[in-house]
Amino acid sequence: MPFLLSIWQTLENWDQAVFKLVNTGMANPFFDTVMPYLRNGLFWAPLYLFVLLLVLYNYHWKGVWWVVLFLSTVALTDMTGTYVFKHVVERIRPCNDPEFAGQVRLVLKQCAGGYSFISNHAANHFGMAVFFLITLRHQLKTWAWLALAWASVIVFAQVYVGVHYPSDILAGALVGTAYGITTGTLFNKRFGFAIFTHQPTV
């Protein structure tokens, strides 16, 4: 038991060290301005709407199923993050932890409520990004990989503003990736997009 406690303490120390590296060590006025926006779902709402409408316009009834499974991915990641992890682990956010909050540089006006582990932002956005990548990688080629870069920027912002530990982000990203792979593979097997792929000439 002492050995396990020692390992846990070491992991926690690493988690806090990486948190402080991002939250404090990378602090600059530009990040202070943009990161709160990047983590805000409303900021990305036009992008979400654009993608959904674009898929519906190009793929018609297959697009409808794409939207259904896309939204299902978000619902599954969000419910799993909240009810399987947050309400069970009950980890306090770094900006709310009385033993650690003094070392947190909170970029937001106030610390978010709720628990910290896992990050639903990470689970939701990596779920969306991986689903997008798996279902559209043949059509968009290397451009589809930008979805992962987009999700990574959003979850980095969660640590930078002071509301999540890196381990919250990592665990959330793994959960989201697992759901994205599952729903994306399901879509490809049942439907799959053929548009924009090379078609043999007659």
C-alpha atoms as a PDB file:
ATOM      1  CA  MET A   1       0.000   0.000   0.000  1.00  0.00           C
ATOM      2  CA  PRO A   2       2.753   2.564   0.800  1.00  0.00           C
ATOM      3  CA  PHE A   3       4.291   1.738  -2.595  1.00  0.00           C
ATOM      4  CA  LEU A   4       1.009   2.417  -4.400  1.00  0.00           C
ATOM      5  CA  LEU A   5       0.529   5.638  -2.469  1.00  0.00           C
ATOM      6  CA  SER A   6       4.041   6.680  -3.459  1.00  0.00           C
ATOM      7  CA  ILE A   7       3.272   6.043  -7.137  1.00  0.00           C
ATOM      8  CA  TRP A   8       0.008   7.960  -6.869  1.00  0.00           C
ATOM      9  CA  GLN A   9       1.773  10.899  -5.213  1.00  0.00           C
ATOM     10  CA  THR A  10       4.436  10.890  -7.922  1.00  0.00           C
ATOM     11  CA  LEU A  11       1.802  10.944 -10.657  1.00  0.00           C
ATOM     12  CA  GLU A  12      -0.035  13.757  -8.904  1.00  0.00           C
ATOM     13  CA  ASN A  13       3.208  15.738  -8.602  1.00  0.00           C
ATOM     14  CA  TRP A  14       3.862  15.295 -12.330  1.00  0.00           C
ATOM     15  CA  ASP A  15       0.296  16.322 -13.102  1.00  0.00           C
ATOM     16  CA  GLN A  16       0.637  19.508 -11.089  1.00  0.00           C
ATOM     17  CA  ALA A  17       4.077  20.240 -12.541  1.00  0.00           C
ATOM     18  CA  VAL A  18       2.803  20.005 -16.129  1.00  0.00           C
ATOM     19  CA  PHE A  19      -0.239  22.063 -15.162  1.00  0.00           C
ATOM     20  CA  LYS A  20       1.977  24.857 -13.810  1.00  0.00           C
ATOM     21  CA  LEU A  21       4.196  24.663 -16.896  1.00  0.00           C
ATOM     22  CA  VAL A  22       1.181  25.357 -19.130  1.00  0.00           C
ATOM     23  CA  ASN A  23      -0.838  27.603 -16.823  1.00  0.00           C
ATOM     24  CA  THR A  24       2.035  29.772 -15.608  1.00  0.00           C
ATOM     25  CA  GLY A  25       5.144  28.946 -17.602  1.00  0.00           C
ATOM     26  CA  MET A  26       3.479  29.620 -20.965  1.00  0.00           C
ATOM     27  CA  ALA A  27       1.591  32.709 -19.795  1.00  0.00           C
ATOM     28  CA  ASN A  28       1.505  35.599 -22.227  1.00  0.00           C
ATOM     29  CA  PRO A  29      -0.972  38.393 -23.096  1.00  0.00           C
ATOM     30  CA  PHE A  30      -1.957  36.839 -26.437  1.00  0.00           C
ATOM     31  CA  PHE A  31      -2.923  33.485 -24.893  1.00  0.00           C
ATOM     32  CA  ASP A  32      -4.682  35.298 -22.052  1.00  0.00           C
ATOM     33  CA  THR A  33      -6.883  36.973 -24.651  1.00  0.00           C
ATOM     34  CA  VAL A  34      -7.639  34.081 -27.021  1.00  0.00           C
ATOM     35  CA  MET A  35      -7.706  30.968 -24.815  1.00  0.00           C
ATOM     36  CA  PRO A  36     -10.942  31.841 -22.964  1.00  0.00           C
ATOM     37  CA  TYR A  37     -12.652  32.163 -26.360  1.00  0.00           C
ATOM     38  CA  LEU A  38     -11.200  28.943 -27.754  1.00  0.00           C
ATOM     39  CA  ARG A  39     -12.634  26.881 -24.894  1.00  0.00           C
ATOM     40  CA  ASN A  40     -16.081  28.469 -25.234  1.00  0.00           C
ATOM     41  CA  GLY A  41     -18.603  26.352 -27.134  1.00  0.00           C
ATOM     42  CA  LEU A  42     -20.494  29.413 -28.354  1.00  0.00           C
ATOM     43  CA  PHE A  43     -17.345  30.655 -30.071  1.00  0.00           C
ATOM     44  CA  TRP A  44     -17.323  27.518 -32.229  1.00  0.00           C
ATOM     45  CA  ALA A  45     -21.093  27.365 -32.836  1.00  0.00           C
ATOM     46  CA  PRO A  46     -20.849  28.822 -36.382  1.00  0.00           C
ATOM     47  CA  LEU A  47     -18.263  26.158 -37.273  1.00  0.00           C
ATOM     48  CA  TYR A  48     -20.472  23.357 -35.922  1.00  0.00           C
ATOM     49  CA  LEU A  49     -23.442  24.654 -37.894  1.00  0.00           C
ATOM     50  CA  PHE A  50     -21.372  25.063 -41.060  1.00  0.00           C
ATOM     51  CA  VAL A  51     -20.053  21.485 -40.893  1.00  0.00           C
ATOM     52  CA  LEU A  52     -23.485  19.991 -40.243  1.00  0.00           C
ATOM     53  CA  LEU A  53     -25.117  21.943 -43.076  1.00  0.00           C
ATOM     54  CA  LEU A  54     -22.251  21.129 -45.442  1.00  0.00           C
ATOM     55  CA  VAL A  55     -22.538  17.415 -44.754  1.00  0.00           C
ATOM     56  CA  LEU A  56     -26.327  17.495 -45.159  1.00  0.00           C
ATOM     57  CA  TYR A  57     -26.041  19.449 -48.414  1.00  0.00           C
ATOM     58  CA  ASN A  58     -23.452  17.127 -49.958  1.00  0.00           C
ATOM     59  CA  TYR A  59     -24.579  13.738 -48.687  1.00  0.00           C
ATOM     60  CA  HIS A  60     -28.378  14.042 -48.325  1.00  0.00           C
ATOM     61  CA  TRP A  61     -29.882  11.060 -46.461  1.00  0.00           C
ATOM     62  CA  LYS A  62     -26.435   9.673 -45.621  1.00  0.00           C
ATOM     63  CA  GLY A  63     -25.681  13.095 -44.266  1.00  0.00           C
ATOM     64  CA  VAL A  64     -28.690  12.826 -41.964  1.00  0.00           C
ATOM     65  CA  TRP A  65     -27.283   9.628 -40.484  1.00  0.00           C
ATOM     66  CA  TRP A  66     -23.873  11.272 -40.205  1.00  0.00           C
ATOM     67  CA  VAL A  67     -25.409  14.100 -38.178  1.00  0.00           C
ATOM     68  CA  VAL A  68     -27.326  11.619 -35.994  1.00  0.00           C
ATOM     69  CA  LEU A  69     -24.185   9.650 -35.167  1.00  0.00           C
ATOM     70  CA  PHE A  70     -22.124  12.817 -34.767  1.00  0.00           C
ATOM     71  CA  LEU A  71     -24.574  14.147 -32.176  1.00  0.00           C
ATOM     72  CA  SER A  72     -24.809  10.697 -30.580  1.00  0.00           C
ATOM     73  CA  THR A  73     -21.030  10.708 -30.146  1.00  0.00           C
ATOM     74  CA  VAL A  74     -21.200  14.009 -28.271  1.00  0.00           C
ATOM     75  CA  ALA A  75     -24.087  12.782 -26.117  1.00  0.00           C
ATOM     76  CA  LEU A  76     -22.258   9.565 -25.221  1.00  0.00           C
ATOM     77  CA  THR A  77     -18.993  11.293 -24.347  1.00  0.00           C
ATOM     78  CA  ASP A  78     -20.773  13.922 -22.278  1.00  0.00           C
ATOM     79  CA  MET A  79     -22.881  11.442 -20.309  1.00  0.00           C
ATOM     80  CA  THR A  80     -19.917   9.141 -19.742  1.00  0.00           C
ATOM     81  CA  GLY A  81     -17.764  12.013 -18.540  1.00  0.00           C
ATOM     82  CA  THR A  82     -20.431  13.265 -16.158  1.00  0.00           C
ATOM     83  CA  TYR A  83     -22.009  10.112 -14.754  1.00  0.00           C
ATOM     84  CA  VAL A  84     -19.264   7.492 -15.049  1.00  0.00           C
ATOM     85  CA  PHE A  85     -16.308   9.668 -14.055  1.00  0.00           C
ATOM     86  CA  LYS A  86     -17.117  13.073 -12.544  1.00  0.00           C
ATOM     87  CA  HIS A  87     -19.795  11.872 -10.117  1.00  0.00           C
ATOM     88  CA  VAL A  88     -17.682   8.870  -9.111  1.00  0.00           C
ATOM     89  CA  VAL A  89     -14.158  10.316  -8.860  1.00  0.00           C
ATOM     90  CA  GLU A  90     -15.273  13.767  -7.608  1.00  0.00           C
ATOM     91  CA  ARG A  91     -11.921  15.389  -8.246  1.00  0.00           C
ATOM     92  CA  ILE A  92     -11.864  19.095  -7.398  1.00  0.00           C
ATOM     93  CA  ARG A  93     -10.817  21.492 -10.136  1.00  0.00           C
ATOM     94  CA  PRO A  94      -7.342  23.000  -9.653  1.00  0.00           C
ATOM     95  CA  CYS A  95      -8.796  26.500  -9.344  1.00  0.00           C
ATOM     96  CA  ASN A  96     -11.167  25.296  -6.591  1.00  0.00           C
ATOM     97  CA  ASP A  97      -8.741  23.074  -4.676  1.00  0.00           C
ATOM     98  CA  PRO A  98      -7.944  24.847  -1.380  1.00  0.00           C
ATOM     99  CA  GLU A  99      -4.521  23.152  -1.254  1.00  0.00           C
ATOM    100  CA  PHE A 100      -3.535  24.060  -4.791  1.00  0.00           C
ATOM    101  CA  ALA A 101      -5.622  27.055  -5.891  1.00  0.00           C
ATOM    102  CA  GLY A 102      -2.956  29.455  -4.614  1.00  0.00           C
ATOM    103  CA  GLN A 103      -0.632  28.195  -7.361  1.00  0.00           C
ATOM    104  CA  VAL A 104      -3.258  28.556 -10.105  1.00  0.00           C
ATOM    105  CA  ARG A 105      -3.316  31.543 -12.429  1.00  0.00           C
ATOM    106  CA  LEU A 106      -7.034  31.719 -13.220  1.00  0.00           C
ATOM    107  CA  VAL A 107      -7.516  33.416 -16.588  1.00  0.00           C
ATOM    108  CA  LEU A 108     -11.318  33.318 -16.414  1.00  0.00           C
ATOM    109  CA  LYS A 109     -13.499  35.653 -14.361  1.00  0.00           C
ATOM    110  CA  GLN A 110     -14.385  32.770 -12.068  1.00  0.00           C
ATOM    111  CA  CYS A 111     -13.566  29.095 -11.672  1.00  0.00           C
ATOM    112  CA  ALA A 112     -15.973  26.695 -13.349  1.00  0.00           C
ATOM    113  CA  GLY A 113     -18.265  24.616 -11.165  1.00  0.00           C
ATOM    114  CA  GLY A 114     -18.525  20.842 -11.088  1.00  0.00           C
ATOM    115  CA  TYR A 115     -15.761  18.277 -10.884  1.00  0.00           C
ATOM    116  CA  SER A 116     -12.528  18.070 -12.827  1.00  0.00           C
ATOM    117  CA  PHE A 117     -11.973  14.427 -13.835  1.00  0.00           C
ATOM    118  CA  ILE A 118     -12.539  13.781 -16.630  1.00  0.00           C
ATOM    119  CA  SER A 119     -12.649  16.855 -18.845  1.00  0.00           C
ATOM    120  CA  ASN A 120     -15.924  16.764 -20.770  1.00  0.00           C
ATOM    121  CA  HIS A 121     -14.476  19.366 -23.114  1.00  0.00           C
ATOM    122  CA  ALA A 122     -11.721  16.920 -24.015  1.00  0.00           C
ATOM    123  CA  ALA A 123     -14.064  13.935 -24.304  1.00  0.00           C
ATOM    124  CA  ASN A 124     -16.617  15.801 -26.407  1.00  0.00           C
ATOM    125  CA  HIS A 125     -14.188  17.492 -28.772  1.00  0.00           C
ATOM    126  CA  PHE A 126     -11.963  14.488 -29.308  1.00  0.00           C
ATOM    127  CA  GLY A 127     -15.077  12.401 -29.876  1.00  0.00           C
ATOM    128  CA  MET A 128     -16.215  14.867 -32.544  1.00  0.00           C
ATOM    129  CA  ALA A 129     -12.744  15.176 -34.064  1.00  0.00           C
ATOM    130  CA  VAL A 130     -12.094  11.433 -34.314  1.00  0.00           C
ATOM    131  CA  PHE A 131     -15.579  10.763 -35.710  1.00  0.00           C
ATOM    132  CA  PHE A 132     -14.994  13.514 -38.294  1.00  0.00           C
ATOM    133  CA  LEU A 133     -11.571  12.109 -39.178  1.00  0.00           C
ATOM    134  CA  ILE A 134     -12.708   8.506 -39.551  1.00  0.00           C
ATOM    135  CA  THR A 135     -15.773   9.289 -41.646  1.00  0.00           C
ATOM    136  CA  LEU A 136     -14.296  11.996 -43.880  1.00  0.00           C
ATOM    137  CA  ARG A 137     -10.597  11.170 -44.138  1.00  0.00           C
ATOM    138  CA  HIS A 138     -10.936   9.650 -47.623  1.00  0.00           C
ATOM    139  CA  GLN A 139     -12.828  12.681 -48.897  1.00  0.00           C
ATOM    140  CA  LEU A 140     -10.778  15.436 -47.258  1.00  0.00           C
ATOM    141  CA  LYS A 141      -7.428  13.609 -47.246  1.00  0.00           C
ATOM    142  CA  THR A 142      -4.873  15.279 -44.964  1.00  0.00           C
ATOM    143  CA  TRP A 143      -7.239  18.181 -44.253  1.00  0.00           C
ATOM    144  CA  ALA A 144      -9.330  15.865 -42.071  1.00  0.00           C
ATOM    145  CA  TRP A 145      -6.449  15.664 -39.595  1.00  0.00           C
ATOM    146  CA  LEU A 146      -6.979  19.320 -38.759  1.00  0.00           C
ATOM    147  CA  ALA A 147      -9.897  18.130 -36.625  1.00  0.00           C
ATOM    148  CA  LEU A 148      -7.423  16.617 -34.152  1.00  0.00           C
ATOM    149  CA  ALA A 149      -5.365  19.800 -34.102  1.00  0.00           C
ATOM    150  CA  TRP A 150      -8.566  21.761 -33.431  1.00  0.00           C
ATOM    151  CA  ALA A 151      -9.522  19.494 -30.505  1.00  0.00           C
ATOM    152  CA  SER A 152      -5.981  19.704 -29.121  1.00  0.00           C
ATOM    153  CA  VAL A 153      -6.043  23.500 -29.097  1.00  0.00           C
ATOM    154  CA  ILE A 154      -9.364  23.506 -27.236  1.00  0.00           C
ATOM    155  CA  VAL A 155      -8.201  21.122 -24.512  1.00  0.00           C
ATOM    156  CA  PHE A 156      -4.875  22.945 -24.166  1.00  0.00           C
ATOM    157  CA  ALA A 157      -6.937  26.043 -23.411  1.00  0.00           C
ATOM    158  CA  GLN A 158      -8.657  24.185 -20.562  1.00  0.00           C
ATOM    159  CA  VAL A 159      -5.350  23.720 -18.790  1.00  0.00           C
ATOM    160  CA  TYR A 160      -4.058  27.165 -19.690  1.00  0.00           C
ATOM    161  CA  VAL A 161      -7.032  29.013 -18.167  1.00  0.00           C
ATOM    162  CA  GLY A 162      -6.714  26.963 -14.962  1.00  0.00           C
ATOM    163  CA  VAL A 163      -9.827  24.760 -14.868  1.00  0.00           C
ATOM    164  CA  HIS A 164      -8.359  21.311 -15.619  1.00  0.00           C
ATOM    165  CA  TYR A 165      -5.292  19.227 -14.850  1.00  0.00           C
ATOM    166  CA  PRO A 166      -3.448  17.594 -17.776  1.00  0.00           C
ATOM    167  CA  SER A 167      -4.585  14.146 -16.608  1.00  0.00           C
ATOM    168  CA  ASP A 168      -8.215  15.299 -16.848  1.00  0.00           C
ATOM    169  CA  ILE A 169      -7.522  16.242 -20.453  1.00  0.00           C
ATOM    170  CA  LEU A 170      -5.676  13.036 -21.298  1.00  0.00           C
ATOM    171  CA  ALA A 171      -8.379  10.799 -19.840  1.00  0.00           C
ATOM    172  CA  GLY A 172     -11.117  12.808 -21.542  1.00  0.00           C
ATOM    173  CA  ALA A 173      -9.301  12.628 -24.874  1.00  0.00           C
ATOM    174  CA  LEU A 174      -8.989   8.843 -24.557  1.00  0.00           C
ATOM    175  CA  VAL A 175     -12.700   8.469 -23.789  1.00  0.00           C
ATOM    176  CA  GLY A 176     -13.634  10.726 -26.684  1.00  0.00           C
ATOM    177  CA  THR A 177     -11.285   8.895 -29.045  1.00  0.00           C
ATOM    178  CA  ALA A 178     -12.793   5.538 -28.089  1.00  0.00           C
ATOM    179  CA  TYR A 179     -16.328   6.752 -28.787  1.00  0.00           C
ATOM    180  CA  GLY A 180     -15.259   8.523 -31.988  1.00  0.00           C
ATOM    181  CA  ILE A 181     -13.661   5.342 -33.316  1.00  0.00           C
ATOM    182  CA  THR A 182     -16.726   3.306 -32.391  1.00  0.00           C
ATOM    183  CA  THR A 183     -19.372   5.571 -33.907  1.00  0.00           C
ATOM    184  CA  GLY A 184     -17.190   6.504 -36.882  1.00  0.00           C
ATOM    185  CA  THR A 185     -16.538   2.852 -37.721  1.00  0.00           C
ATOM    186  CA  LEU A 186     -20.245   2.090 -37.311  1.00  0.00           C
ATOM    187  CA  PHE A 187     -21.132   4.855 -39.758  1.00  0.00           C
ATOM    188  CA  ASN A 188     -18.567   3.705 -42.326  1.00  0.00           C
ATOM    189  CA  LYS A 189     -19.805   0.108 -42.177  1.00  0.00           C
ATOM    190  CA  ARG A 190     -23.496   0.971 -42.427  1.00  0.00           C
ATOM    191  CA  PHE A 191     -23.341   3.985 -44.745  1.00  0.00           C
ATOM    192  CA  GLY A 192     -20.022   5.495 -45.766  1.00  0.00           C
ATOM    193  CA  PHE A 193     -19.461   8.399 -48.130  1.00  0.00           C
ATOM    194  CA  ALA A 194     -18.494   7.796 -51.746  1.00  0.00           C
ATOM    195  CA  ILE A 195     -18.678  11.399 -52.914  1.00  0.00           C
ATOM    196  CA  PHE A 196     -15.363  13.154 -53.696  1.00  0.00           C
ATOM    197  CA  THR A 197     -13.616   9.788 -54.107  1.00  0.00           C
ATOM    198  CA  HIS A 198     -12.067   8.844 -57.433  1.00  0.00           C
ATOM    199  CA  GLN A 199     -14.606   7.346 -59.804  1.00  0.00           C
ATOM    200  CA  PRO A 200     -13.535   5.233 -62.792  1.00  0.00           C
ATOM    201  CA  THR A 201     -14.321   6.790 -66.169  1.00  0.00           C
ATOM    202  CA  VAL A 202     -16.611   4.974 -68.577  1.00  0.00           C
END
